Amino acid sequence: MRTKRWRPTLSTRITLTLVAVAVGVAAITAGTLVWNARLIILESRQAAIFDVLRVEAKMSVDALPETPSAADLTAASEEFSVPAVLINLRTGENGGTLLIDDIPEYLVQTLVDGGGVSAYERETRYGFLTFTAGTVVDAGDGGDQIAAFGVFDMQTQQEEIDRLVNLGVSIGLIFVAAAAVIGLVVGRQLGRPLESLVEVADGLGTPDQSPVVDTGYPDVNAVLDAMRNSEARLHTTIGQLEHSEATARQLVADVAHELRTPLATLVAVSEILADTESATPENRSEAGQIAARSATHLTTLTNDILELSRFDSNKADVVREPVDVAELWRDLAENRQWADVAFELYGDPVAHTDEVRLRLIVSNLVTNAFRHGAPPVEVTVWNQDGKLTLTVADGGPGVAGEHEAQVFKRFYQASSSRSGSESSGLGLAIVRENARLLGGDAWLIQTAGTVFAVWIPLAP
């Protein structure tokens, strides 16, 4: 079984980062301070040692003969406050309270070869820090040059340096602990808005989520607002999808309902026509007429459904061009045999709009008036103020108040009083869809009869 890899949280990472930075800063700062303090302590002590060495060497060597022997050198070394050894640089004789072998050879060579007037070395002997220093002085007036070496104790300075190191470590630990506390506090402060984000994200899609108004961080608030806006858009999209699904189901049910009657009629008619023995010529003629009407109804229904499907799929195109409204009406009236329909036009007869969609609007409104209304049918058009207004009035019984808001819905038929024909229930829906596609709308006006009105803006 594969183990889950541990991943630190944001607050943990912030804390660890601050602690790492604190450790680095503390180490560099404390190391620099301790190193500089160490140099100051050691160099100041070394300078004092050389002063003491020069004074004691001068005092002890002044009493020596011009060419001192080893015994003279040993006697003179006893005047030093520390173990010392004296070396005659000309003869090589040496003597003192300190063996010459205890002095590093390169220090002796530095003074014996005449390469310098002083030499020193810090080293740890038997667990203690010591400072070996050497200098050159003259034995008496015009005497041989004598190299004096002494070994000085620097343990006190070493202990002082150790205390500084311990203090630096303590300060560094305090600094790291403070950084850890600050990291935890900052991590928690930054973790709170993240918790708010998690809360909002976890509550997306649920109606009873607790709103997070302000986290105290503008950038986090912006993220929360973006999440809420995304949720709102998601809900809107879901609502639209649910509405589309419901509309599609309703459309299928309505189409099946509308198809059932003409199809049943065609089946019955086909049985009559197939009955060659008992069916009379009159029966066959009547059956043929019924079949023709049913086929016409099916064709109209199919064309209307195809027209609405273009609107639903956003594939309905608009081609605006100059349209002679009077000529369009004359053509419709002649083809549909609407000679008894009154037509009036006010304003410029030429309108810049989509001729095909305007023809559908006029045709469906007049057809609706004939199917569901009663004569007289009057068509009135106004072309003024950059828009085209069209009304179709009939003298029918009108639409009941409870049905006024429903008449433009698909497959809706207001009542039996307006249902005397084979209507698909899609004509008025097509009228409104075309009007809105052109940027206008359609509505119902209840007066002495029934008036359907449409307005569409005209292109300049």
Protein backbone atom coordinates (compact mmCIF):
# COMPACT_ATOMS: atom_id res chain seq x y z
CA MET A 1 0.00 0.00 0.00
CA ARG A 2 1.38 3.35 -1.05
CA THR A 3 1.84 5.71 1.89
CA LYS A 4 0.55 9.24 1.56
CA ARG A 5 3.31 11.77 1.36
CA TRP A 6 3.23 14.42 4.06
CA ARG A 7 2.88 17.94 2.77
CA PRO A 8 3.27 20.89 5.14
CA THR A 9 0.49 23.44 5.34
CA LEU A 10 0.99 27.08 4.40
CA SER A 11 1.26 28.18 8.05
CA THR A 12 3.83 25.43 8.70
CA ARG A 13 5.87 26.52 5.70
CA ILE A 14 5.75 30.14 6.81
CA THR A 15 6.87 29.17 10.32
CA LEU A 16 9.71 27.00 9.01
CA THR A 17 10.80 29.74 6.61
CA LEU A 18 10.88 32.37 9.33
CA VAL A 19 12.77 30.01 11.65
CA ALA A 20 15.31 29.22 8.91
CA VAL A 21 15.78 32.91 8.19
CA ALA A 22 16.11 33.63 11.91
CA VAL A 23 18.71 30.89 12.32
CA GLY A 24 20.70 32.24 9.40
CA VAL A 25 20.50 35.84 10.55
CA ALA A 26 21.28 34.90 14.15
CA ALA A 27 24.24 32.74 13.13
CA ILE A 28 25.71 35.41 10.86
CA THR A 29 25.11 38.23 13.33
CA ALA A 30 26.32 36.36 16.40
CA GLY A 31 29.29 34.88 14.51
CA THR A 32 30.35 38.28 13.22
CA LEU A 33 30.01 39.92 16.63
CA VAL A 34 31.82 37.12 18.45
CA TRP A 35 34.61 36.98 15.87
CA ASN A 36 35.19 40.75 16.03
CA ALA A 37 35.06 40.72 19.83
CA ARG A 38 37.52 37.82 19.89
CA LEU A 39 39.95 39.71 17.68
CA ILE A 40 39.66 42.81 19.82
CA ILE A 41 40.20 40.84 23.05
CA LEU A 42 43.13 38.84 21.72
CA GLU A 43 44.85 41.70 19.93
CA SER A 44 44.54 44.02 22.91
CA ARG A 45 45.97 41.28 25.17
CA GLN A 46 48.77 40.56 22.69
CA ALA A 47 49.72 44.22 22.49
CA ALA A 48 49.93 44.35 26.29
CA ILE A 49 52.03 41.16 26.30
CA PHE A 50 54.55 42.63 23.85
CA ASP A 51 54.82 45.77 25.99
CA VAL A 52 55.54 43.65 29.08
CA LEU A 53 57.99 41.44 27.14
CA ARG A 54 59.97 44.38 25.79
CA VAL A 55 60.22 46.04 29.22
CA GLU A 56 61.26 42.83 31.04
CA ALA A 57 63.70 41.84 28.25
CA LYS A 58 65.32 45.25 28.31
CA MET A 59 65.67 45.24 32.08
CA SER A 60 67.13 41.71 32.25
CA VAL A 61 69.50 42.04 29.29
CA ASP A 62 70.97 45.41 30.32
CA ALA A 63 72.94 43.70 33.12
CA LEU A 64 74.47 41.07 30.80
CA PRO A 65 78.03 41.23 29.51
CA GLU A 66 78.63 41.99 25.83
CA THR A 67 78.96 38.27 25.06
CA PRO A 68 76.84 36.47 27.65
CA SER A 69 77.21 32.76 28.34
CA ALA A 70 74.41 30.24 28.74
CA ALA A 71 74.61 30.68 32.53
CA ASP A 72 74.29 34.45 32.19
CA LEU A 73 71.27 34.01 29.95
CA THR A 74 69.64 31.59 32.40
CA ALA A 75 70.18 33.98 35.30
CA ALA A 76 68.74 36.88 33.32
CA SER A 77 65.61 34.85 32.34
CA GLU A 78 64.69 34.50 35.98
CA GLU A 79 63.86 38.20 36.01
CA PHE A 80 60.85 37.55 33.69
CA SER A 81 57.36 37.25 35.14
CA VAL A 82 56.67 34.25 32.87
CA PRO A 83 58.71 31.26 31.73
CA ALA A 84 61.31 32.63 29.30
CA VAL A 85 64.38 31.66 27.27
CA LEU A 86 67.15 33.98 26.03
CA ILE A 87 69.18 33.26 22.87
CA ASN A 88 72.42 34.90 21.81
CA LEU A 89 71.78 35.43 18.14
CA ARG A 90 75.54 35.62 17.30
CA THR A 91 76.85 32.62 19.23
CA GLY A 92 73.69 30.56 19.47
CA GLU A 93 74.05 30.18 23.23
CA ASN A 94 70.72 29.96 25.05
CA GLY A 95 69.42 29.59 28.56
CA GLY A 96 66.36 30.23 30.62
CA THR A 97 63.52 28.91 32.68
CA LEU A 98 62.00 27.62 29.45
CA LEU A 99 63.54 25.03 27.20
CA ILE A 100 64.30 26.23 23.70
CA ASP A 101 62.54 23.12 22.37
CA ASP A 102 59.29 24.56 23.78
CA ILE A 103 59.60 27.42 21.29
CA PRO A 104 58.37 26.68 17.72
CA GLU A 105 61.39 26.44 15.45
CA TYR A 106 60.05 28.86 12.86
CA LEU A 107 59.69 31.57 15.54
CA VAL A 108 63.33 31.12 16.52
CA GLN A 109 64.40 31.17 12.87
CA THR A 110 62.44 34.40 12.32
CA LEU A 111 64.61 36.19 14.86
CA VAL A 112 67.88 34.20 14.34
CA ASP A 113 67.92 34.89 10.59
CA GLY A 114 67.35 38.57 11.23
CA GLY A 115 64.07 38.60 9.37
CA GLY A 116 62.21 40.52 12.06
CA VAL A 117 62.32 42.13 15.45
CA SER A 118 59.37 40.21 16.91
CA ALA A 119 57.53 36.94 16.47
CA TYR A 120 54.51 35.32 18.12
CA GLU A 121 52.17 32.35 18.03
CA ARG A 122 48.89 31.44 19.80
CA GLU A 123 48.45 27.79 20.66
CA THR A 124 46.67 25.55 23.13
CA ARG A 125 48.90 23.74 25.58
CA TYR A 126 47.46 21.15 27.90
CA GLY A 127 43.96 22.53 27.29
CA PHE A 128 44.92 26.17 27.93
CA LEU A 129 45.40 28.98 25.44
CA THR A 130 48.95 30.40 25.51
CA PHE A 131 50.73 33.14 23.62
CA THR A 132 54.42 32.67 22.75
CA ALA A 133 56.10 35.99 21.96
CA GLY A 134 59.66 36.90 21.08
CA THR A 135 61.60 40.12 20.65
CA VAL A 136 65.22 41.22 20.04
CA VAL A 137 67.24 43.45 22.41
CA ASP A 138 70.97 44.40 22.70
CA ALA A 139 73.09 43.03 25.56
CA GLY A 140 74.72 46.07 27.22
CA ASP A 141 76.44 48.80 25.25
CA GLY A 142 77.40 47.39 21.87
CA GLY A 143 76.88 43.81 23.00
CA ASP A 144 75.45 40.85 21.14
CA GLN A 145 71.80 40.83 20.12
CA ILE A 146 69.67 38.71 22.42
CA ALA A 147 66.35 37.13 21.42
CA ALA A 148 63.97 36.88 24.33
CA PHE A 149 60.97 34.45 24.18
CA GLY A 150 58.27 34.17 26.78
CA VAL A 151 55.13 32.03 27.09
CA PHE A 152 52.12 33.98 28.41
CA ASP A 153 48.84 32.61 29.70
CA MET A 154 45.73 33.73 27.74
CA GLN A 155 43.20 31.42 29.39
CA THR A 156 41.39 34.37 30.95
CA GLN A 157 40.84 35.85 27.49
CA GLN A 158 39.77 32.45 26.19
CA GLU A 159 37.19 32.15 28.94
CA GLU A 160 35.94 35.63 28.13
CA ILE A 161 35.62 34.62 24.49
CA ASP A 162 33.78 31.44 25.51
CA ARG A 163 31.33 33.55 27.50
CA LEU A 164 30.75 35.72 24.45
CA VAL A 165 30.14 32.63 22.33
CA ASN A 166 27.66 31.26 24.87
CA LEU A 167 25.95 34.64 25.00
CA GLY A 168 25.77 34.73 21.20
CA VAL A 169 24.29 31.23 21.12
CA SER A 170 21.76 32.18 23.80
CA ILE A 171 20.78 35.32 21.93
CA GLY A 172 20.51 33.31 18.72
CA LEU A 173 18.26 30.74 20.39
CA ILE A 174 16.09 33.51 21.78
CA PHE A 175 15.96 35.06 18.33
CA VAL A 176 15.00 31.72 16.77
CA ALA A 177 12.33 31.10 19.41
CA ALA A 178 10.91 34.59 18.82
CA ALA A 179 10.92 33.95 15.06
CA ALA A 180 9.10 30.64 15.60
CA VAL A 181 6.43 32.39 17.69
CA ILE A 182 6.11 35.15 15.10
CA GLY A 183 5.91 32.53 12.36
CA LEU A 184 3.13 30.70 14.18
CA VAL A 185 1.22 33.94 14.71
CA VAL A 186 1.68 35.06 11.11
CA GLY A 187 0.84 31.58 9.84
CA ARG A 188 -2.38 31.54 11.82
CA GLN A 189 -3.24 35.05 10.67
CA LEU A 190 -2.75 34.00 7.06
CA GLY A 191 -4.49 30.70 7.69
CA ARG A 192 -7.74 32.37 8.75
CA PRO A 193 -8.58 33.84 5.35
CA LEU A 194 -7.62 30.52 3.78
CA GLU A 195 -10.06 28.82 6.13
CA SER A 196 -12.66 31.30 4.93
CA LEU A 197 -11.84 30.36 1.35
CA VAL A 198 -12.21 26.68 2.22
CA GLU A 199 -15.50 27.39 3.97
CA VAL A 200 -16.89 29.27 0.99
CA ALA A 201 -15.57 26.70 -1.51
CA ASP A 202 -17.02 23.85 0.55
CA GLY A 203 -20.37 25.63 0.72
CA LEU A 204 -20.64 26.34 -2.99
CA GLY A 205 -23.88 24.99 -4.34
CA THR A 206 -25.57 24.73 -0.93
CA PRO A 207 -28.33 27.23 -0.09
CA ASP A 208 -27.56 27.38 3.66
CA GLN A 209 -23.87 28.27 3.52
CA SER A 210 -22.75 30.87 6.03
CA PRO A 211 -21.61 34.02 4.23
CA VAL A 212 -18.09 35.31 4.87
CA VAL A 213 -18.38 39.08 4.54
CA ASP A 214 -14.86 40.35 5.27
CA THR A 215 -11.65 38.50 6.06
CA GLY A 216 -9.61 41.63 6.65
CA TYR A 217 -7.48 40.95 3.57
CA PRO A 218 -8.57 42.80 0.39
CA ASP A 219 -6.90 40.30 -1.94
CA VAL A 220 -8.58 37.36 -0.20
CA ASN A 221 -11.89 39.23 -0.27
CA ALA A 222 -11.42 39.62 -4.04
CA VAL A 223 -10.96 35.84 -4.35
CA LEU A 224 -14.09 35.25 -2.26
CA ASP A 225 -16.07 37.65 -4.45
CA ALA A 226 -14.79 35.90 -7.57
CA MET A 227 -15.86 32.53 -6.12
CA ARG A 228 -19.31 33.88 -5.29
CA ASN A 229 -19.64 35.36 -8.78
CA SER A 230 -18.58 32.03 -10.26
CA GLU A 231 -21.17 30.29 -8.11
CA ALA A 232 -23.86 32.73 -9.26
CA ARG A 233 -22.93 32.17 -12.90
CA LEU A 234 -22.89 28.42 -12.29
CA HIS A 235 -26.35 28.54 -10.73
CA THR A 236 -27.56 30.64 -13.66
CA THR A 237 -26.11 28.16 -16.14
CA ILE A 238 -27.61 25.22 -14.28
CA GLY A 239 -30.96 27.02 -14.18
CA GLN A 240 -30.77 27.65 -17.90
CA LEU A 241 -29.87 24.02 -18.56
CA GLU A 242 -32.73 22.83 -16.37
CA HIS A 243 -35.08 25.23 -18.13
CA SER A 244 -33.84 24.06 -21.53
CA GLU A 245 -34.29 20.45 -20.47
CA ALA A 246 -37.80 21.13 -19.22
CA THR A 247 -38.58 23.04 -22.41
CA ALA A 248 -37.27 20.17 -24.52
CA ARG A 249 -39.36 17.64 -22.59
CA GLN A 250 -42.41 19.86 -22.92
CA LEU A 251 -41.71 20.35 -26.62
CA VAL A 252 -41.55 16.60 -27.19
CA ALA A 253 -44.78 16.11 -25.28
CA ASP A 254 -46.52 18.95 -27.14
CA VAL A 255 -45.30 17.78 -30.54
CA ALA A 256 -46.44 14.23 -29.78
CA HIS A 257 -49.83 15.60 -28.72
CA GLU A 258 -50.15 17.75 -31.82
CA LEU A 259 -49.09 14.94 -34.12
CA ARG A 260 -51.47 12.43 -32.60
CA THR A 261 -54.66 13.95 -34.02
CA PRO A 262 -53.61 14.37 -37.69
CA LEU A 263 -51.83 11.03 -37.66
CA ALA A 264 -54.90 9.31 -36.22
CA THR A 265 -56.98 11.04 -38.87
CA LEU A 266 -54.64 9.87 -41.61
CA VAL A 267 -54.81 6.30 -40.28
CA ALA A 268 -58.61 6.39 -40.28
CA VAL A 269 -58.71 7.92 -43.75
CA SER A 270 -56.29 5.33 -45.07
CA GLU A 271 -58.59 2.59 -43.79
CA ILE A 272 -61.52 4.18 -45.63
CA LEU A 273 -59.53 4.49 -48.82
CA ALA A 274 -58.30 0.92 -48.46
CA ASP A 275 -61.87 -0.39 -48.15
CA THR A 276 -62.59 -0.84 -51.84
CA GLU A 277 -65.77 -2.85 -51.31
CA SER A 278 -67.92 -0.73 -48.98
CA ALA A 279 -66.45 2.77 -49.52
CA THR A 280 -68.46 4.91 -51.95
CA PRO A 281 -66.91 7.54 -54.22
CA GLU A 282 -68.34 10.19 -51.89
CA ASN A 283 -66.62 8.52 -48.92
CA ARG A 284 -63.33 8.44 -50.78
CA SER A 285 -63.64 12.09 -51.82
CA GLU A 286 -64.38 13.19 -48.28
CA ALA A 287 -61.54 11.01 -46.95
CA GLY A 288 -59.14 12.56 -49.46
CA GLN A 289 -60.11 16.07 -48.34
CA ILE A 290 -59.60 15.13 -44.70
CA ALA A 291 -56.22 13.59 -45.54
CA ALA A 292 -55.20 16.74 -47.41
CA ARG A 293 -56.15 18.95 -44.45
CA SER A 294 -54.25 16.68 -42.03
CA ALA A 295 -51.19 16.66 -44.29
CA THR A 296 -51.34 20.47 -44.53
CA HIS A 297 -51.56 20.71 -40.76
CA LEU A 298 -48.56 18.38 -40.38
CA THR A 299 -46.57 20.46 -42.88
CA THR A 300 -47.41 23.69 -41.04
CA LEU A 301 -46.56 22.14 -37.70
CA THR A 302 -43.23 20.81 -39.02
CA ASN A 303 -42.27 24.16 -40.53
CA ASP A 304 -43.15 26.00 -37.32
CA ILE A 305 -41.12 23.58 -35.21
CA LEU A 306 -38.13 23.96 -37.55
CA GLU A 307 -38.41 27.74 -37.33
CA LEU A 308 -38.41 27.67 -33.52
CA SER A 309 -35.50 25.22 -33.48
CA ARG A 310 -33.40 27.83 -35.29
CA PHE A 311 -34.09 30.29 -32.49
CA ASP A 312 -33.22 27.72 -29.83
CA SER A 313 -29.92 26.86 -31.51
CA ASN A 314 -29.05 30.53 -32.16
CA LYS A 315 -28.84 29.85 -35.88
CA ALA A 316 -31.49 32.37 -36.95
CA ASP A 317 -29.85 34.96 -39.19
CA VAL A 318 -30.91 38.58 -39.71
CA VAL A 319 -30.40 40.27 -43.08
CA ARG A 320 -31.47 43.92 -42.99
CA GLU A 321 -32.26 45.61 -46.29
CA PRO A 322 -34.72 48.18 -47.62
CA VAL A 323 -38.21 46.61 -47.62
CA ASP A 324 -41.29 48.12 -49.26
CA VAL A 325 -43.92 47.33 -46.62
CA ALA A 326 -46.84 48.16 -48.93
CA GLU A 327 -45.49 45.88 -51.64
CA LEU A 328 -44.87 43.11 -49.07
CA TRP A 329 -48.49 43.33 -47.92
CA ARG A 330 -49.87 43.28 -51.48
CA ASP A 331 -47.86 40.16 -52.20
CA LEU A 332 -49.08 38.42 -49.02
CA ALA A 333 -52.70 39.43 -49.53
CA GLU A 334 -52.65 38.16 -53.11
CA ASN A 335 -51.02 34.84 -52.27
CA ARG A 336 -53.18 34.20 -49.15
CA GLN A 337 -56.36 35.65 -50.67
CA TRP A 338 -56.78 38.26 -47.94
CA ALA A 339 -58.70 40.74 -50.07
CA ASP A 340 -61.18 41.46 -47.24
CA VAL A 341 -58.42 42.48 -44.76
CA ALA A 342 -58.12 46.25 -44.26
CA PHE A 343 -54.53 47.60 -44.52
CA GLU A 344 -53.28 51.06 -43.59
CA LEU A 345 -49.71 52.38 -43.70
CA TYR A 346 -48.51 55.62 -42.08
CA GLY A 347 -45.12 57.06 -42.85
CA ASP A 348 -42.45 56.00 -45.29
CA PRO A 349 -43.44 52.70 -46.96
CA VAL A 350 -39.77 51.64 -47.13
CA ALA A 351 -38.33 50.22 -43.91
CA HIS A 352 -34.76 48.99 -43.42
CA THR A 353 -35.28 45.57 -41.80
CA ASP A 354 -35.29 41.81 -42.48
CA GLU A 355 -37.94 41.11 -45.14
CA VAL A 356 -38.24 37.38 -44.40
CA ARG A 357 -38.84 37.89 -40.68
CA LEU A 358 -41.25 40.78 -41.24
CA ARG A 359 -43.22 38.59 -43.65
CA LEU A 360 -43.38 35.80 -41.01
CA ILE A 361 -44.61 38.25 -38.39
CA VAL A 362 -47.40 39.68 -40.58
CA SER A 363 -48.40 36.28 -41.95
CA ASN A 364 -48.67 34.61 -38.53
CA LEU A 365 -50.58 37.50 -36.95
CA VAL A 366 -53.17 37.67 -39.75
CA THR A 367 -53.45 33.87 -39.84
CA ASN A 368 -53.99 33.88 -36.05
CA ALA A 369 -56.73 36.51 -36.43
CA PHE A 370 -58.57 34.41 -39.01
CA ARG A 371 -58.17 31.15 -37.08
CA HIS A 372 -59.05 32.36 -33.59
CA GLY A 373 -60.78 35.68 -34.09
CA ALA A 374 -63.55 37.01 -36.28
CA PRO A 375 -63.96 39.64 -39.01
CA PRO A 376 -63.25 42.43 -39.50
CA VAL A 377 -59.47 41.97 -39.56
CA GLU A 378 -57.45 45.20 -39.79
CA VAL A 379 -53.69 45.58 -40.30
CA THR A 380 -52.10 48.94 -39.44
CA VAL A 381 -48.44 49.88 -39.85
CA TRP A 382 -46.59 52.99 -38.55
CA ASN A 383 -43.08 53.81 -39.79
CA GLN A 384 -41.87 56.67 -37.64
CA ASP A 385 -39.21 57.66 -35.08
CA GLY A 386 -36.82 54.96 -36.28
CA LYS A 387 -39.12 52.04 -35.54
CA LEU A 388 -41.83 50.06 -37.26
CA THR A 389 -45.04 49.40 -35.31
CA LEU A 390 -47.55 46.84 -36.58
CA THR A 391 -50.99 45.98 -35.19
CA VAL A 392 -53.46 43.29 -36.28
CA ALA A 393 -56.98 43.66 -34.87
CA ASP A 394 -59.95 41.32 -35.20
CA GLY A 395 -63.51 41.41 -33.98
CA GLY A 396 -63.38 38.14 -32.07
CA PRO A 397 -64.43 37.53 -28.43
CA GLY A 398 -60.94 38.38 -27.12
CA VAL A 399 -58.68 36.48 -24.72
CA ALA A 400 -59.67 35.84 -21.12
CA GLY A 401 -57.59 37.77 -18.58
CA GLU A 402 -56.03 34.66 -17.08
CA HIS A 403 -54.67 33.68 -20.50
CA GLU A 404 -53.19 37.04 -21.62
CA ALA A 405 -49.71 36.27 -20.30
CA GLN A 406 -49.69 32.80 -21.88
CA VAL A 407 -50.75 33.40 -25.49
CA PHE A 408 -47.16 33.84 -26.75
CA LYS A 409 -46.03 30.51 -25.27
CA ARG A 410 -45.41 27.55 -27.52
CA PHE A 411 -48.34 25.17 -28.17
CA TYR A 412 -50.60 27.33 -26.02
CA GLN A 413 -54.24 27.77 -27.01
CA ALA A 414 -56.19 30.19 -24.88
CA SER A 415 -59.62 28.57 -24.82
CA SER A 416 -62.16 26.73 -26.82
CA SER A 417 -63.76 30.06 -27.83
CA ARG A 418 -60.65 30.82 -29.94
CA SER A 419 -59.98 27.28 -31.17
CA GLY A 420 -61.98 26.69 -34.25
CA SER A 421 -59.17 25.63 -36.57
CA GLU A 422 -56.27 23.27 -36.90
CA SER A 423 -53.69 25.48 -35.20
CA SER A 424 -50.27 24.29 -34.09
CA GLY A 425 -50.17 26.77 -31.21
CA LEU A 426 -46.78 28.07 -32.43
CA GLY A 427 -47.74 31.06 -34.57
CA LEU A 428 -47.65 33.72 -31.84
CA ALA A 429 -44.49 32.24 -30.36
CA ILE A 430 -42.83 32.60 -33.77
CA VAL A 431 -44.06 36.21 -33.96
CA ARG A 432 -42.48 37.14 -30.62
CA GLU A 433 -39.23 35.27 -31.33
CA ASN A 434 -38.81 37.09 -34.66
CA ALA A 435 -39.67 40.45 -33.13
CA ARG A 436 -37.11 39.98 -30.36
CA LEU A 437 -34.51 38.74 -32.83
CA LEU A 438 -34.93 42.06 -34.66
CA GLY A 439 -34.56 43.95 -31.37
CA GLY A 440 -38.26 44.56 -30.68
CA ASP A 441 -41.13 42.74 -29.01
CA ALA A 442 -44.75 41.63 -29.38
CA TRP A 443 -47.69 42.03 -27.02
CA LEU A 444 -51.47 41.70 -26.72
CA ILE A 445 -53.91 44.61 -26.41
CA GLN A 446 -57.47 43.90 -25.25
CA THR A 447 -59.96 46.45 -26.63
CA ALA A 448 -63.35 45.92 -28.28
CA GLY A 449 -61.79 42.95 -30.02
CA THR A 450 -58.29 41.53 -29.95
CA VAL A 451 -55.23 43.50 -31.05
CA PHE A 452 -51.77 41.98 -31.36
CA ALA A 453 -49.00 44.57 -31.68
CA VAL A 454 -45.36 44.31 -32.71
CA TRP A 455 -42.59 46.91 -32.80
CA ILE A 456 -39.14 46.53 -34.25
CA PRO A 457 -36.29 49.05 -34.48
CA LEU A 458 -35.19 49.99 -37.98
CA ALA A 459 -31.61 50.09 -39.15
CA PRO A 460 -30.42 53.59 -40.17
